[in-house]
Structure formats: C-alpha cells, structure tokens
Amino acid sequence: MIGRRLLGPLGVRLTLAFLAVAMMAIAVFAALIVVASRSEVSGLANRHRRDDLAATAAAAADAYQRAGGWDGADLFAVATVAARGQAALTVLDPSGAVIAAPTDVLAEMMIRMHGLAAVDAPRADPVSQAVEVDGRAVGAVMLRFPVADMGPERHVRDALSRAALKGILIAVLVALIVAVYVSARVTRPVTALTNAAGGLAAGRRDTRVNLTKAPGELRTLADAFNEMADSLDREDQLRRNLLADIAHELRTPLTILQGNTEAILDGVDEPTPAAIASLHDEVVRLRRLVADLETLAAAEAAGLRLHSIPVDLADTARTSADLLGPLANERNITISIVGDSAPVLGDPDRLQQIVVNLLANAVKFTPPDGSITLTIATEGDRSSLTVSDTGPGLGVDEIPHVFERFWRGRSAMETHGTGIGLAVVAELVDAHHGTVHVANRPGGGAEFTVTLPAA
C-alpha cells in the first residue's frame, strides 16, 4: 500500500512550491495587464481628446468662413462638438483675446440636448489648437477637459482590474488543483520506492515495485530498482552456490590429504616418493583455488597491481599451451597455435593467467579427440588472442552470464569447478584496459577473444 494520505511531507512541499511559482507568474501577468490597460486606456482617452480638439477647431473655422469673421459667427456647432467631450470651450482671436466662452447657458443647453450629464469637476490644463482658414491662422480654440481619473476611462480601468482579480482567483484555484495532482503523482511512486528499499534493506528479498503508470523517469527508476533486486537475489544465490562449491572443492583434496597422511602416520603406507607426490598435487590444487579467489577479490577491489612490460601474446600462448599440454594429452585433445607476433603492454604473469584460465576452460569442455586453437593477431592499435574449441558451446541464454562470478552453465554441472576462472579472466582483462568477448563458433564450440592495446 503506497500510503493512506493524499500527500506526504514531500508532496506538501512540492504543492507549495508549485503554487508559489504559479502565484508569482499570475501576479506578474496581472500586473502587466493592469499597467498595460491603464496605459492603453489613457492613450485612447488622449486620442479622443485630440480628435475632439481637432473637430472643434474645424467647426470654428467653418463658422468663421460662413460669417466672414468672428463678428456674427455662429458658435453653436462649435459648442456642440466641445460638449461631446464634456470640455469647457474658449474661442480666441489671433492676438489671444477671448472672443467667446460658451460654457454656461449654451454649453448646458447642448449637454441637455445630447442627453449628457453636466460635469462639475476639476479640469485639466487647457489644450489649444489654431483655427486656420485658407492656410491662415485666424484664431484658436481652447478646451479644458475633466481630469482623467474622473472620466469614463476610470470605469474601464476598474472593470479590467476586477476582471484581472477574478482571473487571479480562478488561476490560483486551478494551480492548486494541478499542484496537488502533480505532487501526488510524483510522490506516490517515490514513497513506494522508499518503502520497497526499506523492505529490501530489512532482508525481504522478494520486494518489488510495480509503477507502470508512474511518470517516465520514475517508471525507469522503478525498473532499475527491480533489476537491482533481481541482481541481489542472483548474487545471493551465487554466494550460496559459491560456498557449496568451495566446500566441495576443498573437501576432496583435504580428504585425500587427511587419509594419506593418517595412513603414513599409522604405518599403513610408506612415505614413498609417489605418495608424497600425490599429497603435493592436492596441495597445489588447494593453492590454485585459493589463488583464484585472491586474484578475483584483488581485481574487484581495485587492489590488483600490474607490472607492465612489453609482452608478446604469441609467447604467452605457447607457454600456456605447454603448461596445459599434459592435461590435454590425457584426453587426446590437440592444441594448435595460429598467428605470429602480437606485442602488448601488460603484466606477463597476469596475461599468462588469462590464457591459462581460458585454455583450461576449453580443455574442460572439449570432448576427447577434440581440438583447441589459439589464434594471435594484430590489427591497427589492437592485439587479440582467440581461444576456440570443439566443445558443446553455450546456450544463447548463457552467453550474457559467462563472466559473472560463480556462475556455471548447464554443461558445467557434470564437471568440478567454482565458476570463478572466467570471472578472473574478465577482471584481469579489464585491468589491462582490454575487452573479452565470447561467442559460439559456426561449426560448434565456444570462442573466447581477448583484445588488448598493442604495444
């Protein structure tokens, strides 16, 4: 069960973080709307006033032309135009003297005729425009509009502000809902993974998580967790198998050593050279097993020290073939070497250990009267050594696990071994900055290829 609460502490923090980001973005957006609307409304009002001023000047020019001068000019139309913008009108002659200021009885009459309300409010500074007739200035009109805060634009700004406030409230509510949903969607898989990790740490090896509906990255993390748990299960099983295999491998030589030494001590057998040689063989077998375990542990702990010098893989292959020759001859297995010199830079003892382990593995799984081929080659800046045999080969499902510690394939069940020889090979090759690859030969058998930087 993931959890009973909708949101845990992490979910609450994520929700608050999302909400804070959303509110900041909304606040900035609302402020921009208010500022932009105020600027736009003020600009629109100014444009209307300029238009009213121009129309008033045009009406005054028309009245001047009809009367042939200001004397007797009918300013009725001029006052009507000024009244549309609720402006106080003053008509001036070219010298700046006031000709008329029809803002009292005439203006009030015009306002009532057009259904407008009389404005009794503070007015802004006057604005004026010349009255031109035939390209000649004959006077000017001066208008004084109500201050902007008392005009219709104030109502527009207030309406926009109210709309922005409502939008903010709606956006905050939507942001809260989305934040809760996203936080729950993110934190529930995290909580499930945390609980699963705790269960795995407590020893419940069967703990797994199923997050198929989680977001992409968390689903990938869940898959990685399950793979890790599977790997731990496999490692644990391999560890148990290792202990059983090591006990089996140690039991046989120890039993032989104990039996033979007791027989010698009891006087049943004589300490002949043959008996002592048999005891020595068992000691060597024990030493080899311990040495493999020590090498594997040192390589995995990055404690393996290499004494690198120029080494020819062809010489290493011949030396290893000579070492394994008697074992191969017992089963009538032929070992052949193909290729010339392949120089590399490496530790001679460790390189020989690599080849000996590969060759011993090939001898173990090659049937009697079979053959093993060691191929040496150099291509560009890489040198390679390939060990191929005529054994049963590997199953397709077995190839990915060949170099795992303590792993043994199906064909190895009938043979003795701990499954650490190839793991040692992989670690030693990696220590030499090389690669090792395994595949099945087209004609049957396995093929191991070690590639190292050429000297």
Protein backbone atom coordinates (compact mmCIF):
# COMPACT_ATOMS: atom_id res chain seq x y z
CA MET A 1 0.00 0.00 0.00
CA ILE A 2 1.53 3.30 -1.08
CA GLY A 3 0.04 5.42 1.62
CA ARG A 4 -3.20 6.47 3.20
CA ARG A 5 -2.71 10.18 2.91
CA LEU A 6 -3.09 12.05 -0.33
CA LEU A 7 0.16 13.93 0.19
CA GLY A 8 3.08 13.31 2.48
CA PRO A 9 5.59 15.93 3.65
CA LEU A 10 7.36 15.88 0.27
CA GLY A 11 4.05 16.23 -1.53
CA VAL A 12 3.06 19.20 0.62
CA ARG A 13 6.37 20.91 -0.10
CA LEU A 14 6.06 20.24 -3.82
CA THR A 15 2.49 21.55 -3.81
CA LEU A 16 3.51 24.75 -2.03
CA ALA A 17 6.43 25.19 -4.40
CA PHE A 18 4.24 24.74 -7.48
CA LEU A 19 1.62 27.06 -6.01
CA ALA A 20 4.21 29.74 -5.17
CA VAL A 21 5.61 29.64 -8.70
CA ALA A 22 2.13 29.79 -10.18
CA MET A 23 1.09 32.71 -7.96
CA MET A 24 4.23 34.66 -8.83
CA ALA A 25 3.61 34.10 -12.51
CA ILE A 26 -0.06 35.08 -12.16
CA ALA A 27 0.82 38.18 -10.13
CA VAL A 28 3.31 39.31 -12.77
CA PHE A 29 0.79 38.64 -15.52
CA ALA A 30 -1.97 40.53 -13.69
CA ALA A 31 0.34 43.48 -13.01
CA LEU A 32 1.27 43.61 -16.68
CA ILE A 33 -2.43 43.56 -17.62
CA VAL A 34 -3.28 46.39 -15.23
CA VAL A 35 -0.32 48.53 -16.31
CA ALA A 36 -0.93 47.86 -19.97
CA SER A 37 -4.66 48.57 -19.64
CA ARG A 38 -4.06 51.83 -17.79
CA SER A 39 -1.60 52.94 -20.45
CA GLU A 40 -3.87 51.87 -23.28
CA VAL A 41 -6.99 53.50 -21.79
CA SER A 42 -5.11 56.70 -21.07
CA GLY A 43 -3.73 56.73 -24.61
CA LEU A 44 -7.18 56.10 -26.04
CA ALA A 45 -8.65 58.96 -23.99
CA ASN A 46 -5.88 61.28 -25.16
CA ARG A 47 -6.51 60.33 -28.77
CA HIS A 48 -10.23 61.04 -28.36
CA ARG A 49 -9.45 64.44 -26.84
CA ARG A 50 -7.10 65.29 -29.67
CA ASP A 51 -9.81 64.29 -32.09
CA ASP A 52 -12.34 66.43 -30.19
CA LEU A 53 -9.91 69.35 -30.24
CA ALA A 54 -9.32 68.98 -34.00
CA ALA A 55 -13.06 68.69 -34.66
CA THR A 56 -13.73 71.79 -32.53
CA ALA A 57 -11.07 73.76 -34.46
CA ALA A 58 -12.62 72.60 -37.77
CA ALA A 59 -16.09 73.65 -36.63
CA ALA A 60 -14.75 77.06 -35.55
CA ALA A 61 -13.05 77.52 -38.96
CA ASP A 62 -16.33 76.70 -40.71
CA ALA A 63 -18.22 79.22 -38.53
CA TYR A 64 -15.57 81.87 -39.26
CA GLN A 65 -15.87 81.29 -43.03
CA ARG A 66 -19.66 81.45 -43.01
CA ALA A 67 -19.69 84.76 -41.11
CA GLY A 68 -16.63 86.18 -42.86
CA GLY A 69 -15.05 86.83 -39.48
CA TRP A 70 -15.66 86.35 -35.79
CA ASP A 71 -18.24 89.10 -35.64
CA GLY A 72 -21.60 87.47 -36.01
CA ALA A 73 -20.10 83.96 -36.21
CA ASP A 74 -22.48 81.21 -35.05
CA LEU A 75 -20.59 79.19 -32.47
CA PHE A 76 -23.49 76.84 -31.85
CA ALA A 77 -21.88 73.93 -33.73
CA VAL A 78 -18.50 74.61 -32.09
CA ALA A 79 -20.04 74.37 -28.61
CA THR A 80 -21.84 71.18 -29.63
CA VAL A 81 -18.59 69.49 -30.64
CA ALA A 82 -16.87 70.60 -27.41
CA ALA A 83 -19.81 69.36 -25.35
CA ARG A 84 -19.36 65.81 -26.65
CA GLY A 85 -16.14 65.52 -24.68
CA GLN A 86 -17.64 67.45 -21.72
CA ALA A 87 -14.93 70.08 -22.25
CA ALA A 88 -15.07 73.78 -21.38
CA LEU A 89 -14.70 75.81 -24.63
CA THR A 90 -12.95 79.13 -25.16
CA VAL A 91 -12.56 80.78 -28.57
CA LEU A 92 -9.62 83.17 -29.02
CA ASP A 93 -8.71 85.67 -31.73
CA PRO A 94 -5.21 85.80 -33.30
CA SER A 95 -4.00 88.09 -30.52
CA GLY A 96 -5.14 85.67 -27.82
CA ALA A 97 -8.11 87.75 -26.69
CA VAL A 98 -11.23 85.80 -25.70
CA ILE A 99 -13.94 86.00 -28.38
CA ALA A 100 -16.41 83.70 -26.68
CA ALA A 101 -16.57 81.14 -23.87
CA PRO A 102 -19.90 79.39 -24.43
CA THR A 103 -19.66 77.12 -21.41
CA ASP A 104 -22.54 78.44 -19.45
CA VAL A 105 -26.09 78.66 -20.83
CA LEU A 106 -25.15 77.49 -24.37
CA ALA A 107 -22.98 74.60 -23.21
CA GLU A 108 -25.54 73.41 -20.68
CA MET A 109 -28.23 73.55 -23.35
CA MET A 110 -26.07 71.47 -25.72
CA ILE A 111 -25.35 68.98 -22.99
CA ARG A 112 -29.07 68.53 -22.25
CA MET A 113 -29.92 68.28 -25.99
CA HIS A 114 -27.40 65.42 -26.41
CA GLY A 115 -28.51 63.62 -23.25
CA LEU A 116 -25.25 64.18 -21.44
CA ALA A 117 -24.81 64.91 -17.76
CA ALA A 118 -23.36 68.22 -16.75
CA VAL A 119 -19.83 67.88 -15.43
CA ASP A 120 -18.95 69.84 -12.32
CA ALA A 121 -15.48 68.52 -11.61
CA PRO A 122 -11.87 69.60 -11.59
CA ARG A 123 -10.49 70.13 -15.06
CA ALA A 124 -7.09 69.53 -16.55
CA ASP A 125 -4.84 72.18 -18.01
CA PRO A 126 -6.24 73.71 -21.22
CA VAL A 127 -5.20 72.44 -24.63
CA SER A 128 -5.49 74.59 -27.71
CA GLN A 129 -5.31 74.35 -31.48
CA ALA A 130 -5.13 77.06 -34.10
CA VAL A 131 -8.16 77.78 -36.28
CA GLU A 132 -6.96 78.04 -39.88
CA VAL A 133 -8.85 79.37 -42.88
CA ASP A 134 -7.20 79.12 -46.29
CA GLY A 135 -3.89 78.34 -44.60
CA ARG A 136 -4.05 81.41 -42.39
CA ALA A 137 -4.44 81.31 -38.60
CA VAL A 138 -7.50 83.37 -37.68
CA GLY A 139 -7.68 82.37 -34.02
CA ALA A 140 -7.66 79.37 -31.74
CA VAL A 141 -9.95 77.15 -29.71
CA MET A 142 -9.03 76.13 -26.17
CA LEU A 143 -10.60 73.16 -24.37
CA ARG A 144 -10.36 72.14 -20.75
CA PHE A 145 -11.33 68.51 -20.21
CA PRO A 146 -12.26 66.88 -16.90
CA VAL A 147 -9.26 65.29 -15.17
CA ALA A 148 -8.60 61.72 -16.34
CA ASP A 149 -9.40 59.99 -13.04
CA MET A 150 -12.96 61.28 -13.21
CA GLY A 151 -13.56 60.35 -16.84
CA PRO A 152 -15.06 57.19 -18.39
CA GLU A 153 -11.60 55.68 -18.70
CA ARG A 154 -11.57 55.21 -14.93
CA HIS A 155 -14.54 52.88 -15.22
CA VAL A 156 -12.78 50.89 -17.95
CA ARG A 157 -9.71 50.50 -15.80
CA ASP A 158 -11.78 49.46 -12.81
CA ALA A 159 -13.56 46.86 -14.94
CA LEU A 160 -10.25 45.49 -16.19
CA SER A 161 -8.87 45.37 -12.65
CA ARG A 162 -11.91 43.46 -11.42
CA ALA A 163 -11.59 41.02 -14.32
CA ALA A 164 -7.88 40.56 -13.54
CA LEU A 165 -8.67 39.88 -9.87
CA LYS A 166 -11.27 37.27 -10.80
CA GLY A 167 -8.77 35.70 -13.20
CA ILE A 168 -6.18 35.56 -10.44
CA LEU A 169 -8.56 33.78 -8.08
CA ILE A 170 -9.56 31.26 -10.75
CA ALA A 171 -5.93 30.71 -11.78
CA VAL A 172 -4.85 30.16 -8.17
CA LEU A 173 -7.60 27.58 -7.70
CA VAL A 174 -6.64 25.77 -10.91
CA ALA A 175 -2.94 25.95 -9.95
CA LEU A 176 -3.73 24.45 -6.54
CA ILE A 177 -5.64 21.56 -8.09
CA VAL A 178 -2.90 20.90 -10.65
CA ALA A 179 -0.16 21.19 -8.00
CA VAL A 180 -1.89 18.66 -5.74
CA TYR A 181 -2.40 16.26 -8.65
CA VAL A 182 1.20 16.54 -9.91
CA SER A 183 2.64 16.29 -6.40
CA ALA A 184 0.60 13.19 -5.65
CA ARG A 185 1.60 11.65 -8.98
CA VAL A 186 5.27 12.29 -8.23
CA THR A 187 5.42 11.50 -4.52
CA ARG A 188 3.40 8.28 -4.54
CA PRO A 189 5.97 6.42 -6.68
CA VAL A 190 8.76 7.92 -4.57
CA THR A 191 7.03 6.70 -1.42
CA ALA A 192 6.57 3.26 -2.95
CA LEU A 193 10.25 3.10 -3.89
CA THR A 194 11.26 4.26 -0.41
CA ASN A 195 9.13 1.58 1.23
CA ALA A 196 10.47 -1.05 -1.17
CA ALA A 197 14.06 -0.01 -0.47
CA GLY A 198 13.37 -0.27 3.25
CA GLY A 199 11.90 -3.72 2.79
CA LEU A 200 14.89 -4.83 0.74
CA ALA A 201 17.27 -3.46 3.36
CA ALA A 202 15.34 -5.37 6.04
CA GLY A 203 16.04 -8.63 4.22
CA ARG A 204 12.80 -9.12 2.29
CA ARG A 205 14.44 -10.20 -0.97
CA ASP A 206 11.11 -10.64 -2.77
CA THR A 207 10.32 -6.91 -2.51
CA ARG A 208 9.46 -5.38 -5.88
CA VAL A 209 7.58 -2.27 -7.06
CA ASN A 210 5.01 -2.03 -9.83
CA LEU A 211 4.89 1.52 -11.16
CA THR A 212 3.69 1.02 -14.72
CA LYS A 213 1.55 4.19 -14.51
CA ALA A 214 4.22 6.39 -12.93
CA PRO A 215 5.89 9.26 -14.86
CA GLY A 216 8.60 8.18 -17.29
CA GLU A 217 11.70 8.80 -15.18
CA LEU A 218 10.17 7.28 -12.06
CA ARG A 219 9.00 4.26 -14.04
CA THR A 220 12.57 3.85 -15.29
CA LEU A 221 13.83 4.18 -11.71
CA ALA A 222 11.35 1.50 -10.59
CA ASP A 223 12.54 -0.84 -13.35
CA ALA A 224 16.14 -0.21 -12.29
CA PHE A 225 15.19 -0.95 -8.67
CA ASN A 226 13.58 -4.23 -9.68
CA GLU A 227 16.63 -5.15 -11.74
CA MET A 228 18.83 -4.33 -8.74
CA ALA A 229 16.66 -6.53 -6.52
CA ASP A 230 16.87 -9.36 -9.08
CA SER A 231 20.63 -8.91 -9.21
CA LEU A 232 20.85 -9.07 -5.43
CA ASP A 233 18.80 -12.26 -5.48
CA ARG A 234 21.08 -13.71 -8.10
CA GLU A 235 24.20 -12.60 -6.22
CA ASP A 236 22.83 -14.09 -3.03
CA GLN A 237 22.10 -17.37 -4.78
CA LEU A 238 25.55 -17.31 -6.36
CA ARG A 239 27.10 -16.68 -2.96
CA ARG A 240 25.32 -19.72 -1.53
CA ASN A 241 26.36 -21.77 -4.52
CA LEU A 242 29.91 -20.49 -4.13
CA LEU A 243 30.06 -21.61 -0.53
CA ALA A 244 28.77 -25.03 -1.52
CA ASP A 245 31.19 -25.28 -4.46
CA ILE A 246 34.19 -24.11 -2.45
CA ALA A 247 33.30 -26.57 0.32
CA HIS A 248 33.07 -29.31 -2.31
CA GLU A 249 36.33 -28.28 -3.97
CA LEU A 250 38.13 -28.12 -0.63
CA ARG A 251 36.63 -31.31 0.74
CA THR A 252 38.13 -33.63 -1.88
CA PRO A 253 41.80 -32.61 -1.58
CA LEU A 254 41.51 -32.25 2.19
CA THR A 255 40.01 -35.73 2.46
CA ILE A 256 42.81 -37.14 0.34
CA LEU A 257 45.46 -35.30 2.33
CA GLN A 258 43.96 -36.40 5.63
CA GLY A 259 43.58 -40.03 4.56
CA ASN A 260 47.05 -40.35 3.08
CA THR A 261 48.82 -38.60 5.96
CA GLU A 262 46.93 -40.68 8.54
CA ALA A 263 47.85 -43.81 6.62
CA ILE A 264 51.50 -42.79 6.67
CA LEU A 265 51.35 -41.84 10.36
CA ASP A 266 49.68 -45.15 11.26
CA GLY A 267 52.31 -47.08 9.33
CA VAL A 268 49.78 -48.44 6.85
CA ASP A 269 51.52 -46.74 3.90
CA GLU A 270 55.12 -45.94 3.34
CA PRO A 271 56.15 -42.30 2.66
CA THR A 272 57.26 -43.20 -0.85
CA PRO A 273 58.00 -40.53 -3.48
CA ALA A 274 54.75 -41.46 -5.24
CA ALA A 275 52.70 -40.94 -2.09
CA ILE A 276 54.40 -37.64 -1.35
CA ALA A 277 53.84 -36.54 -4.97
CA SER A 278 50.13 -37.30 -4.61
CA LEU A 279 49.98 -35.19 -1.48
CA HIS A 280 51.84 -32.41 -3.29
CA ASP A 281 49.31 -32.47 -6.16
CA GLU A 282 46.45 -31.96 -3.74
CA VAL A 283 48.29 -29.08 -2.07
CA VAL A 284 48.82 -27.48 -5.48
CA ARG A 285 45.13 -27.89 -6.22
CA LEU A 286 44.23 -26.16 -2.98
CA ARG A 287 46.74 -23.40 -3.63
CA ARG A 288 45.32 -22.79 -7.10
CA LEU A 289 41.79 -22.44 -5.74
CA VAL A 290 42.90 -20.00 -3.06
CA ALA A 291 44.96 -18.05 -5.59
CA ASP A 292 41.96 -17.68 -7.91
CA LEU A 293 39.83 -16.39 -5.07
CA GLU A 294 42.55 -13.99 -4.01
CA THR A 295 43.02 -12.70 -7.58
CA LEU A 296 39.30 -12.17 -8.05
CA ALA A 297 38.99 -10.29 -4.75
CA ALA A 298 42.02 -8.11 -5.51
CA ALA A 299 40.83 -7.27 -9.02
CA GLU A 300 37.32 -6.37 -7.90
CA ALA A 301 38.67 -4.22 -5.07
CA ALA A 302 40.95 -2.32 -7.46
CA GLY A 303 43.85 -3.62 -5.42
CA LEU A 304 45.44 -5.55 -8.26
CA ARG A 305 48.90 -4.25 -9.09
CA LEU A 306 50.21 -4.81 -12.58
CA HIS A 307 53.90 -4.73 -13.52
CA SER A 308 53.51 -3.86 -17.17
CA ILE A 309 56.27 -4.52 -19.72
CA PRO A 310 56.20 -5.33 -23.46
CA VAL A 311 54.86 -8.88 -23.85
CA ASP A 312 54.29 -10.97 -26.97
CA LEU A 313 50.94 -12.79 -26.87
CA ALA A 314 52.37 -15.48 -29.09
CA ASP A 315 54.98 -16.34 -26.45
CA THR A 316 52.32 -16.31 -23.73
CA ALA A 317 50.12 -18.62 -25.82
CA ARG A 318 52.99 -21.11 -26.38
CA THR A 319 53.93 -21.13 -22.69
CA SER A 320 50.31 -21.69 -21.63
CA ALA A 321 49.89 -24.48 -24.19
CA ASP A 322 52.97 -26.20 -22.79
CA LEU A 323 51.53 -25.97 -19.26
CA LEU A 324 48.18 -27.45 -20.27
CA GLY A 325 49.70 -29.91 -22.74
CA PRO A 326 49.83 -32.92 -20.37
CA LEU A 327 46.20 -32.43 -19.34
CA ALA A 328 45.13 -32.17 -22.99
CA ASN A 329 47.19 -35.24 -23.97
CA GLU A 330 45.38 -37.34 -21.39
CA ARG A 331 42.17 -36.76 -23.35
CA ASN A 332 43.83 -36.82 -26.77
CA ILE A 333 42.97 -33.14 -27.35
CA THR A 334 45.09 -31.26 -29.87
CA ILE A 335 46.24 -27.72 -29.07
CA SER A 336 47.41 -25.64 -32.02
CA ILE A 337 48.64 -22.04 -32.26
CA VAL A 338 47.93 -19.86 -35.29
CA GLY A 339 49.45 -16.43 -35.91
CA ASP A 340 52.67 -14.56 -35.48
CA SER A 341 53.86 -11.94 -33.05
CA ALA A 342 51.26 -9.75 -31.25
CA PRO A 343 53.01 -7.37 -28.85
CA VAL A 344 51.09 -5.80 -25.98
CA LEU A 345 51.97 -3.88 -22.84
CA GLY A 346 50.99 -5.87 -19.77
CA ASP A 347 51.89 -7.95 -16.75
CA PRO A 348 53.42 -11.23 -18.02
CA ASP A 349 52.17 -13.31 -15.09
CA ARG A 350 48.63 -11.93 -15.28
CA LEU A 351 48.49 -12.30 -19.06
CA GLN A 352 49.58 -15.92 -18.73
CA GLN A 353 46.92 -16.42 -16.07
CA ILE A 354 44.32 -15.12 -18.54
CA VAL A 355 45.42 -17.55 -21.27
CA VAL A 356 45.81 -20.48 -18.88
CA ASN A 357 42.31 -19.98 -17.48
CA LEU A 358 40.79 -19.76 -20.96
CA LEU A 359 42.76 -22.77 -22.12
CA ALA A 360 41.87 -24.79 -19.01
CA ASN A 361 38.20 -23.93 -19.56
CA ALA A 362 38.46 -25.10 -23.17
CA VAL A 363 40.17 -28.37 -22.18
CA LYS A 364 37.46 -29.00 -19.55
CA PHE A 365 34.60 -28.77 -22.06
CA THR A 366 36.24 -30.19 -25.18
CA PRO A 367 35.37 -33.88 -25.67
CA PRO A 368 38.12 -36.49 -26.22
CA ASP A 369 39.78 -36.39 -29.64
CA GLY A 370 38.74 -32.75 -29.99
CA SER A 371 40.88 -29.74 -30.77
CA ILE A 372 41.65 -26.29 -29.36
CA THR A 373 43.04 -23.43 -31.43
CA LEU A 374 44.81 -20.32 -30.14
CA THR A 375 44.76 -17.54 -32.75
CA ILE A 376 47.00 -14.47 -32.34
CA ALA A 377 46.53 -11.36 -34.46
CA THR A 378 47.27 -7.64 -34.55
CA GLU A 379 45.04 -5.11 -36.28
CA GLY A 380 45.85 -1.42 -36.03
CA ASP A 381 46.44 -0.48 -32.42
CA ARG A 382 44.82 -3.65 -31.01
CA SER A 383 46.20 -7.13 -30.48
CA SER A 384 43.97 -10.13 -29.90
CA LEU A 385 44.14 -13.74 -28.76
CA THR A 386 41.26 -16.11 -29.51
CA VAL A 387 40.75 -19.49 -27.83
CA SER A 388 38.30 -21.69 -29.72
CA ASP A 389 37.30 -25.27 -29.01
CA THR A 390 35.15 -28.05 -30.46
CA GLY A 391 33.05 -28.49 -27.35
CA PRO A 392 29.26 -28.21 -26.96
CA GLY A 393 29.27 -24.41 -26.98
CA LEU A 394 26.97 -22.18 -24.96
CA GLY A 395 23.25 -21.62 -24.89
CA VAL A 396 22.04 -18.26 -26.14
CA ASP A 397 20.68 -17.50 -22.68
CA GLU A 398 24.00 -18.45 -21.07
CA ILE A 399 26.33 -16.14 -23.02
CA PRO A 400 25.45 -12.92 -21.07
CA HIS A 401 26.34 -14.67 -17.76
CA VAL A 402 29.60 -16.39 -18.72
CA PHE A 403 31.85 -13.86 -16.95
CA GLU A 404 29.71 -13.48 -13.84
CA ARG A 405 31.21 -14.53 -10.57
CA PHE A 406 30.50 -18.13 -9.53
CA TRP A 407 28.17 -18.70 -12.47
CA ARG A 408 28.23 -22.13 -14.09
CA GLY A 409 26.41 -23.16 -17.25
CA ARG A 410 24.34 -26.25 -17.86
CA SER A 411 27.24 -28.17 -19.40
CA ALA A 412 29.37 -27.42 -16.31
CA MET A 413 27.09 -29.31 -13.97
CA GLU A 414 28.89 -32.56 -14.73
CA THR A 415 32.34 -31.09 -14.06
CA HIS A 416 34.12 -29.77 -11.00
CA GLY A 417 34.74 -26.06 -10.61
CA THR A 418 33.72 -22.92 -8.78
CA GLY A 419 32.82 -20.67 -11.70
CA ILE A 420 35.47 -18.10 -10.86
CA GLY A 421 38.02 -18.81 -13.59
CA LEU A 422 36.29 -16.76 -16.29
CA ALA A 423 35.40 -14.06 -13.78
CA VAL A 424 39.12 -13.75 -13.04
CA VAL A 425 39.77 -13.50 -16.80
CA ALA A 426 37.27 -10.66 -17.16
CA GLU A 427 38.75 -8.72 -14.24
CA LEU A 428 42.34 -9.17 -15.42
CA VAL A 429 41.50 -8.15 -18.97
CA ASP A 430 39.71 -5.06 -17.67
CA ALA A 431 42.75 -4.22 -15.55
CA HIS A 432 44.80 -4.25 -18.79
CA HIS A 433 42.28 -1.86 -20.42
CA GLY A 434 41.15 -4.57 -22.79
CA THR A 435 37.95 -6.43 -23.64
CA VAL A 436 36.94 -10.08 -23.67
CA HIS A 437 34.16 -11.45 -25.85
CA VAL A 438 32.52 -14.88 -26.08
CA ALA A 439 30.51 -16.39 -28.92
CA ASN A 440 29.63 -19.76 -30.40
CA ARG A 441 31.64 -20.96 -33.39
CA PRO A 442 29.66 -21.55 -36.59
CA GLY A 443 30.86 -25.16 -36.65
CA GLY A 444 30.19 -25.76 -32.96
CA GLY A 445 32.08 -24.97 -29.81
CA ALA A 446 32.85 -21.79 -27.91
CA GLU A 447 35.19 -18.97 -28.87
CA PHE A 448 36.72 -16.51 -26.38
CA THR A 449 38.50 -13.43 -27.79
CA VAL A 450 40.71 -11.18 -25.67
CA THR A 451 41.59 -7.82 -27.21
CA LEU A 452 44.31 -5.61 -25.71
CA PRO A 453 46.04 -2.37 -26.69
CA ALA A 454 49.03 -3.15 -28.87
CA ALA A 455 52.45 -2.15 -27.59
